[in-house]
Every structure is written in C-alpha cells, then in structure tokens.
Amino acid sequence: MLKRGGRVLLWRWRRNPLRRRSDVAEAWIGVAVAATLLLTVPTVGLATAAAGERSALDQARGLHRTTAQLVEDVPAAAGRFSGASTEDDVNATVRWTTPGGTSRSGTAPVAAGSKAGSSTTVWLDDAGRIRPAPPTPIQARSQGTAVGAAAGAGVCVLVLGGWWVARERLDTRRRAQWDRAWAEFDAHRGHRHA
C-alpha cells in the first residue's frame, strides 16, 4: 500500500468498500484537469503571444517615417516632485513636406524643451496623417508575451473554475447520499422523527 505522511495514495482507484463512484469520477476529473492544464495553457499562451506580437508589428504596415520641423518652442516639462525638467514628450505643432512637395502641418509628440525649427521624426500613414510611432520588435514581443500570459492565465482560471464547480456538485451529491444513508440507518434502528 502506497502511503505518504499517513495518507494512502491513489485510494480512489483502489478497490475498497468505502470507495464511491463519485470518488472515482472526482479522480478522473482531476486527471483531465491536469492534462488540460499541461497541454492547453502553454498552447493557448504561445499561440496568443505569437498573434499579439504579429498584431503589434502589423501596426507598422502602411506607416513611413519623415522628418518634420517644430513650428513653435516647446516648454520644458516640470518634474513631478522636484521641479526639475524631464525628457517627457509633449504635443506640439510640426510642419513637414510631402513627397509631392506640399507643406503640411499637424500635432505630434516631441521632446519637452525643444526649440522652434528643430527637427523631429513623425510617422505618417498612407493618407499623410500623423500616427503614433509603431512598436519596436522588442516592444512587440513584450506586448505579445503579456497578451499570451493573460490568455494562458485566463484558460487556467476557466479550467480550475470548472474543476471547482464539478467538485462542488460531487460534494453536494455525496452529502445527499450521506443524508439518505443516515436516514436509512435510523429507520433500521427504530428511531422515529417527530
């Protein structure tokens, strides 16, 4: 008999008169949950991470970089706690020339404290509108990893939640069986309830 710390291991599969069908069902549900967790969570996590990374990298499609000039001075941003300036980005008006030679302007994030006439890089879509800078490959991988980890955790929560619900139903059924068994035992002993 396999024992560990006073507990009999694998008792739900061993033949004994106290084993119920619900004990065997609970054991097999546990095996199914473990197998699902070992196979599904990594698969979903990796697939979602790859899709998230591809999606982040796809944001760069149709965008192109161009150099723009600041139209106005950008004030230096005050530090949150010390009053010192920081290198935060601030939205400011910039002007750039399209490949067709037309001058256009718009609002783009630039470094705080920049002076009018200084150059900055902006990202434009095919229609010539300013767009946020696309993520770098490292940022895309980080976004994909975060999405994949969240998806894996979500699957884990769903599987463990299902396992908990199944165990609760089995416990409810076992309590009802115990109640019936005790009522039958009391009836055989001649006790009557008032």
C-alpha atoms as a PDB file:
ATOM      1  CA  MET A   1       0.000   0.000   0.000  1.00  0.00           C
ATOM      2  CA  LEU A   2       1.425   3.358  -1.020  1.00  0.00           C
ATOM      3  CA  LYS A   3       1.482   5.796   1.875  1.00  0.00           C
ATOM      4  CA  ARG A   4       2.769   9.281   2.316  1.00  0.00           C
ATOM      5  CA  GLY A   5       2.532  11.144   5.597  1.00  0.00           C
ATOM      6  CA  GLY A   6      -0.187   8.793   6.866  1.00  0.00           C
ATOM      7  CA  ARG A   7      -2.322   9.214   3.731  1.00  0.00           C
ATOM      8  CA  VAL A   8      -3.000   6.371   1.348  1.00  0.00           C
ATOM      9  CA  LEU A   9      -2.088   7.413  -2.191  1.00  0.00           C
ATOM     10  CA  LEU A  10      -4.273   6.619  -5.186  1.00  0.00           C
ATOM     11  CA  TRP A  11      -7.074   5.411  -2.900  1.00  0.00           C
ATOM     12  CA  ARG A  12      -9.733   6.489  -5.357  1.00  0.00           C
ATOM     13  CA  TRP A  13      -8.583   3.817  -7.823  1.00  0.00           C
ATOM     14  CA  ARG A  14      -8.017   1.056  -5.290  1.00  0.00           C
ATOM     15  CA  ARG A  15     -10.781  -1.442  -4.556  1.00  0.00           C
ATOM     16  CA  ASN A  16     -12.283  -0.899  -1.142  1.00  0.00           C
ATOM     17  CA  PRO A  17     -15.796  -0.977   0.257  1.00  0.00           C
ATOM     18  CA  LEU A  18     -15.822   2.749   1.094  1.00  0.00           C
ATOM     19  CA  ARG A  19     -14.978   3.929  -2.400  1.00  0.00           C
ATOM     20  CA  ARG A  20     -17.917   5.523  -4.181  1.00  0.00           C
ATOM     21  CA  ARG A  21     -18.461   6.121  -7.877  1.00  0.00           C
ATOM     22  CA  SER A  22     -18.240   9.841  -7.172  1.00  0.00           C
ATOM     23  CA  ASP A  23     -14.724   9.315  -5.751  1.00  0.00           C
ATOM     24  CA  VAL A  24     -13.627   7.663  -8.989  1.00  0.00           C
ATOM     25  CA  ALA A  25     -15.322  10.418 -11.010  1.00  0.00           C
ATOM     26  CA  GLU A  26     -13.505  13.061  -8.964  1.00  0.00           C
ATOM     27  CA  ALA A  27     -10.186  11.332  -9.539  1.00  0.00           C
ATOM     28  CA  TRP A  28     -10.731  11.186 -13.310  1.00  0.00           C
ATOM     29  CA  ILE A  29     -11.850  14.808 -13.376  1.00  0.00           C
ATOM     30  CA  GLY A  30      -8.594  15.698 -11.607  1.00  0.00           C
ATOM     31  CA  VAL A  31      -6.604  13.788 -14.233  1.00  0.00           C
ATOM     32  CA  ALA A  32      -8.494  15.547 -17.027  1.00  0.00           C
ATOM     33  CA  VAL A  33      -7.903  18.941 -15.409  1.00  0.00           C
ATOM     34  CA  ALA A  34      -4.176  18.263 -15.003  1.00  0.00           C
ATOM     35  CA  ALA A  35      -3.861  17.104 -18.620  1.00  0.00           C
ATOM     36  CA  THR A  36      -5.846  20.104 -19.862  1.00  0.00           C
ATOM     37  CA  LEU A  37      -3.679  22.494 -17.883  1.00  0.00           C
ATOM     38  CA  LEU A  38      -0.455  20.887 -19.091  1.00  0.00           C
ATOM     39  CA  LEU A  39      -1.491  20.852 -22.743  1.00  0.00           C
ATOM     40  CA  THR A  40      -3.893  23.742 -23.254  1.00  0.00           C
ATOM     41  CA  VAL A  41      -2.413  26.559 -21.184  1.00  0.00           C
ATOM     42  CA  PRO A  42       1.007  26.554 -22.900  1.00  0.00           C
ATOM     43  CA  THR A  43      -0.546  26.076 -26.338  1.00  0.00           C
ATOM     44  CA  VAL A  44      -3.032  28.929 -25.906  1.00  0.00           C
ATOM     45  CA  GLY A  45      -0.374  31.142 -24.308  1.00  0.00           C
ATOM     46  CA  LEU A  46       2.167  30.621 -27.088  1.00  0.00           C
ATOM     47  CA  ALA A  47      -0.371  30.958 -29.898  1.00  0.00           C
ATOM     48  CA  THR A  48      -1.819  34.134 -28.396  1.00  0.00           C
ATOM     49  CA  ALA A  49       1.652  35.571 -27.770  1.00  0.00           C
ATOM     50  CA  ALA A  50       2.602  34.978 -31.414  1.00  0.00           C
ATOM     51  CA  ALA A  51      -0.649  36.549 -32.632  1.00  0.00           C
ATOM     52  CA  GLY A  52      -0.204  39.522 -30.287  1.00  0.00           C
ATOM     53  CA  GLU A  53       3.354  40.081 -31.494  1.00  0.00           C
ATOM     54  CA  ARG A  54       2.261  39.859 -35.146  1.00  0.00           C
ATOM     55  CA  SER A  55      -0.570  42.297 -34.460  1.00  0.00           C
ATOM     56  CA  ALA A  56       1.799  44.777 -32.822  1.00  0.00           C
ATOM     57  CA  LEU A  57       4.247  44.514 -35.732  1.00  0.00           C
ATOM     58  CA  ASP A  58       1.396  44.917 -38.239  1.00  0.00           C
ATOM     59  CA  GLN A  59       0.809  48.398 -36.835  1.00  0.00           C
ATOM     60  CA  ALA A  60       3.945  49.480 -38.721  1.00  0.00           C
ATOM     61  CA  ARG A  61       2.491  48.420 -42.080  1.00  0.00           C
ATOM     62  CA  GLY A  62       1.455  51.384 -44.147  1.00  0.00           C
ATOM     63  CA  LEU A  63       3.410  53.827 -41.969  1.00  0.00           C
ATOM     64  CA  HIS A  64       6.512  55.690 -43.049  1.00  0.00           C
ATOM     65  CA  ARG A  65       8.880  57.988 -41.233  1.00  0.00           C
ATOM     66  CA  THR A  66       9.547  61.529 -42.188  1.00  0.00           C
ATOM     67  CA  THR A  67      11.377  64.451 -40.683  1.00  0.00           C
ATOM     68  CA  ALA A  68       9.326  67.416 -39.502  1.00  0.00           C
ATOM     69  CA  GLN A  69      10.281  70.846 -38.152  1.00  0.00           C
ATOM     70  CA  LEU A  70       8.869  72.301 -34.957  1.00  0.00           C
ATOM     71  CA  VAL A  71       6.749  75.369 -35.624  1.00  0.00           C
ATOM     72  CA  GLU A  72       6.842  76.643 -32.028  1.00  0.00           C
ATOM     73  CA  ASP A  73       9.023  76.404 -28.935  1.00  0.00           C
ATOM     74  CA  VAL A  74       8.017  73.588 -26.619  1.00  0.00           C
ATOM     75  CA  PRO A  75       8.120  74.416 -22.902  1.00  0.00           C
ATOM     76  CA  ALA A  76      10.216  72.228 -20.659  1.00  0.00           C
ATOM     77  CA  ALA A  77       8.065  69.908 -18.577  1.00  0.00           C
ATOM     78  CA  ALA A  78       8.410  70.372 -14.847  1.00  0.00           C
ATOM     79  CA  GLY A  79       9.330  67.296 -12.829  1.00  0.00           C
ATOM     80  CA  ARG A  80       6.552  65.829 -10.776  1.00  0.00           C
ATOM     81  CA  PHE A  81       8.359  66.020  -7.461  1.00  0.00           C
ATOM     82  CA  SER A  82      11.495  68.107  -7.768  1.00  0.00           C
ATOM     83  CA  GLY A  83      10.608  70.957 -10.101  1.00  0.00           C
ATOM     84  CA  ALA A  84      13.467  69.907 -12.425  1.00  0.00           C
ATOM     85  CA  SER A  85      12.794  69.413 -16.114  1.00  0.00           C
ATOM     86  CA  THR A  86      12.395  65.909 -17.506  1.00  0.00           C
ATOM     87  CA  GLU A  87      12.545  64.481 -21.029  1.00  0.00           C
ATOM     88  CA  ASP A  88       8.812  63.782 -21.364  1.00  0.00           C
ATOM     89  CA  ASP A  89       7.105  64.068 -24.740  1.00  0.00           C
ATOM     90  CA  VAL A  90       4.731  66.981 -25.251  1.00  0.00           C
ATOM     91  CA  ASN A  91       2.330  67.507 -28.169  1.00  0.00           C
ATOM     92  CA  ALA A  92       3.382  70.399 -30.398  1.00  0.00           C
ATOM     93  CA  THR A  93       2.711  71.694 -33.911  1.00  0.00           C
ATOM     94  CA  VAL A  94       5.120  70.431 -36.562  1.00  0.00           C
ATOM     95  CA  ARG A  95       5.436  71.009 -40.313  1.00  0.00           C
ATOM     96  CA  TRP A  96       6.698  68.590 -42.947  1.00  0.00           C
ATOM     97  CA  THR A  97       6.880  68.349 -46.724  1.00  0.00           C
ATOM     98  CA  THR A  98       5.109  65.544 -48.552  1.00  0.00           C
ATOM     99  CA  PRO A  99       6.851  63.596 -51.336  1.00  0.00           C
ATOM    100  CA  GLY A 100       4.762  65.681 -53.778  1.00  0.00           C
ATOM    101  CA  GLY A 101       6.321  68.888 -52.407  1.00  0.00           C
ATOM    102  CA  THR A 102       3.278  70.114 -50.459  1.00  0.00           C
ATOM    103  CA  SER A 103       3.805  71.552 -46.997  1.00  0.00           C
ATOM    104  CA  ARG A 104       1.575  70.091 -44.264  1.00  0.00           C
ATOM    105  CA  SER A 105       1.314  70.619 -40.529  1.00  0.00           C
ATOM    106  CA  GLY A 106      -0.118  68.739 -37.587  1.00  0.00           C
ATOM    107  CA  THR A 107       0.334  67.908 -33.922  1.00  0.00           C
ATOM    108  CA  ALA A 108       2.919  65.322 -32.890  1.00  0.00           C
ATOM    109  CA  PRO A 109       4.665  64.274 -29.675  1.00  0.00           C
ATOM    110  CA  VAL A 110       8.094  65.921 -29.345  1.00  0.00           C
ATOM    111  CA  ALA A 111      10.700  66.135 -26.597  1.00  0.00           C
ATOM    112  CA  ALA A 112       9.918  68.734 -23.936  1.00  0.00           C
ATOM    113  CA  GLY A 113      12.116  71.824 -24.140  1.00  0.00           C
ATOM    114  CA  SER A 114      12.654  71.622 -27.917  1.00  0.00           C
ATOM    115  CA  LYS A 115      13.072  74.887 -29.819  1.00  0.00           C
ATOM    116  CA  ALA A 116      11.201  76.069 -32.904  1.00  0.00           C
ATOM    117  CA  GLY A 117      12.928  74.968 -36.115  1.00  0.00           C
ATOM    118  CA  SER A 118      14.458  71.829 -34.604  1.00  0.00           C
ATOM    119  CA  SER A 119      13.892  68.516 -36.374  1.00  0.00           C
ATOM    120  CA  THR A 120      11.815  65.633 -35.089  1.00  0.00           C
ATOM    121  CA  THR A 121      10.685  62.338 -36.559  1.00  0.00           C
ATOM    122  CA  VAL A 122       6.993  61.713 -37.209  1.00  0.00           C
ATOM    123  CA  TRP A 123       5.164  58.669 -38.548  1.00  0.00           C
ATOM    124  CA  LEU A 124       2.610  59.157 -41.328  1.00  0.00           C
ATOM    125  CA  ASP A 125       0.014  56.814 -42.765  1.00  0.00           C
ATOM    126  CA  ASP A 126      -0.693  56.491 -46.487  1.00  0.00           C
ATOM    127  CA  ALA A 127      -3.120  59.432 -46.293  1.00  0.00           C
ATOM    128  CA  GLY A 128      -0.409  61.663 -44.802  1.00  0.00           C
ATOM    129  CA  ARG A 129      -1.898  61.800 -41.289  1.00  0.00           C
ATOM    130  CA  ILE A 130       0.364  61.698 -38.226  1.00  0.00           C
ATOM    131  CA  ARG A 131       0.150  58.401 -36.362  1.00  0.00           C
ATOM    132  CA  PRO A 132       1.767  57.133 -33.159  1.00  0.00           C
ATOM    133  CA  ALA A 133       5.158  55.524 -33.629  1.00  0.00           C
ATOM    134  CA  PRO A 134       4.815  51.769 -34.207  1.00  0.00           C
ATOM    135  CA  PRO A 135       6.267  49.464 -31.571  1.00  0.00           C
ATOM    136  CA  THR A 136       9.822  48.229 -31.922  1.00  0.00           C
ATOM    137  CA  PRO A 137      10.341  44.466 -32.288  1.00  0.00           C
ATOM    138  CA  ILE A 138      11.234  44.266 -28.591  1.00  0.00           C
ATOM    139  CA  GLN A 139       8.087  46.188 -27.626  1.00  0.00           C
ATOM    140  CA  ALA A 140       6.013  43.960 -29.930  1.00  0.00           C
ATOM    141  CA  ARG A 141       7.477  40.850 -28.323  1.00  0.00           C
ATOM    142  CA  SER A 142       6.754  42.263 -24.855  1.00  0.00           C
ATOM    143  CA  GLN A 143       3.162  43.056 -25.840  1.00  0.00           C
ATOM    144  CA  GLY A 144       2.737  39.581 -27.314  1.00  0.00           C
ATOM    145  CA  THR A 145       4.187  37.965 -24.197  1.00  0.00           C
ATOM    146  CA  ALA A 146       1.850  39.947 -21.952  1.00  0.00           C
ATOM    147  CA  VAL A 147      -1.191  39.025 -24.055  1.00  0.00           C
ATOM    148  CA  GLY A 148      -0.100  35.370 -24.170  1.00  0.00           C
ATOM    149  CA  ALA A 149       0.420  35.243 -20.405  1.00  0.00           C
ATOM    150  CA  ALA A 150      -3.006  36.785 -19.841  1.00  0.00           C
ATOM    151  CA  ALA A 151      -4.634  34.282 -22.203  1.00  0.00           C
ATOM    152  CA  GLY A 152      -2.865  31.369 -20.502  1.00  0.00           C
ATOM    153  CA  ALA A 153      -3.926  32.648 -17.094  1.00  0.00           C
ATOM    154  CA  GLY A 154      -7.499  33.027 -18.359  1.00  0.00           C
ATOM    155  CA  VAL A 155      -7.573  29.432 -19.579  1.00  0.00           C
ATOM    156  CA  CYS A 156      -6.108  28.326 -16.259  1.00  0.00           C
ATOM    157  CA  VAL A 157      -8.834  30.187 -14.350  1.00  0.00           C
ATOM    158  CA  LEU A 158     -11.553  28.682 -16.568  1.00  0.00           C
ATOM    159  CA  VAL A 159     -10.254  25.124 -16.205  1.00  0.00           C
ATOM    160  CA  LEU A 160      -9.750  25.413 -12.443  1.00  0.00           C
ATOM    161  CA  GLY A 161     -13.162  27.069 -12.104  1.00  0.00           C
ATOM    162  CA  GLY A 162     -14.746  24.159 -13.960  1.00  0.00           C
ATOM    163  CA  TRP A 163     -12.907  21.718 -11.715  1.00  0.00           C
ATOM    164  CA  TRP A 164     -14.149  23.552  -8.622  1.00  0.00           C
ATOM    165  CA  VAL A 165     -17.760  23.504  -9.912  1.00  0.00           C
ATOM    166  CA  ALA A 166     -17.504  19.772 -10.661  1.00  0.00           C
ATOM    167  CA  ARG A 167     -16.140  19.065  -7.175  1.00  0.00           C
ATOM    168  CA  GLU A 168     -18.889  21.143  -5.565  1.00  0.00           C
ATOM    169  CA  ARG A 169     -21.542  19.173  -7.465  1.00  0.00           C
ATOM    170  CA  LEU A 170     -19.944  15.886  -6.443  1.00  0.00           C
ATOM    171  CA  ASP A 171     -19.776  17.051  -2.823  1.00  0.00           C
ATOM    172  CA  THR A 172     -23.457  18.042  -2.932  1.00  0.00           C
ATOM    173  CA  ARG A 173     -24.347  14.628  -4.338  1.00  0.00           C
ATOM    174  CA  ARG A 174     -22.233  12.913  -1.661  1.00  0.00           C
ATOM    175  CA  ARG A 175     -23.902  14.916   1.125  1.00  0.00           C
ATOM    176  CA  ALA A 176     -27.312  13.865  -0.215  1.00  0.00           C
ATOM    177  CA  GLN A 177     -26.155  10.228  -0.289  1.00  0.00           C
ATOM    178  CA  TRP A 178     -24.925  10.534   3.298  1.00  0.00           C
ATOM    179  CA  ASP A 179     -28.261  12.020   4.380  1.00  0.00           C
ATOM    180  CA  ARG A 180     -30.155   9.146   2.745  1.00  0.00           C
ATOM    181  CA  ALA A 181     -27.791   6.574   4.280  1.00  0.00           C
ATOM    182  CA  TRP A 182     -28.210   8.079   7.770  1.00  0.00           C
ATOM    183  CA  ALA A 183     -31.996   8.216   7.370  1.00  0.00           C
ATOM    184  CA  GLU A 184     -31.985   4.554   6.326  1.00  0.00           C
ATOM    185  CA  PHE A 185     -29.728   3.658   9.252  1.00  0.00           C
ATOM    186  CA  ASP A 186     -32.012   5.475  11.693  1.00  0.00           C
ATOM    187  CA  ALA A 187     -35.064   3.751  10.197  1.00  0.00           C
ATOM    188  CA  HIS A 188     -33.466   0.334  10.751  1.00  0.00           C
ATOM    189  CA  ARG A 189     -32.703   1.176  14.358  1.00  0.00           C
ATOM    190  CA  GLY A 190     -36.335   2.057  15.006  1.00  0.00           C
ATOM    191  CA  HIS A 191     -35.881   5.784  15.624  1.00  0.00           C
ATOM    192  CA  ARG A 192     -38.723   7.939  14.531  1.00  0.00           C
ATOM    193  CA  HIS A 193     -38.560  11.616  13.940  1.00  0.00           C
ATOM    194  CA  ALA A 194     -41.285  13.775  15.458  1.00  0.00           C
END
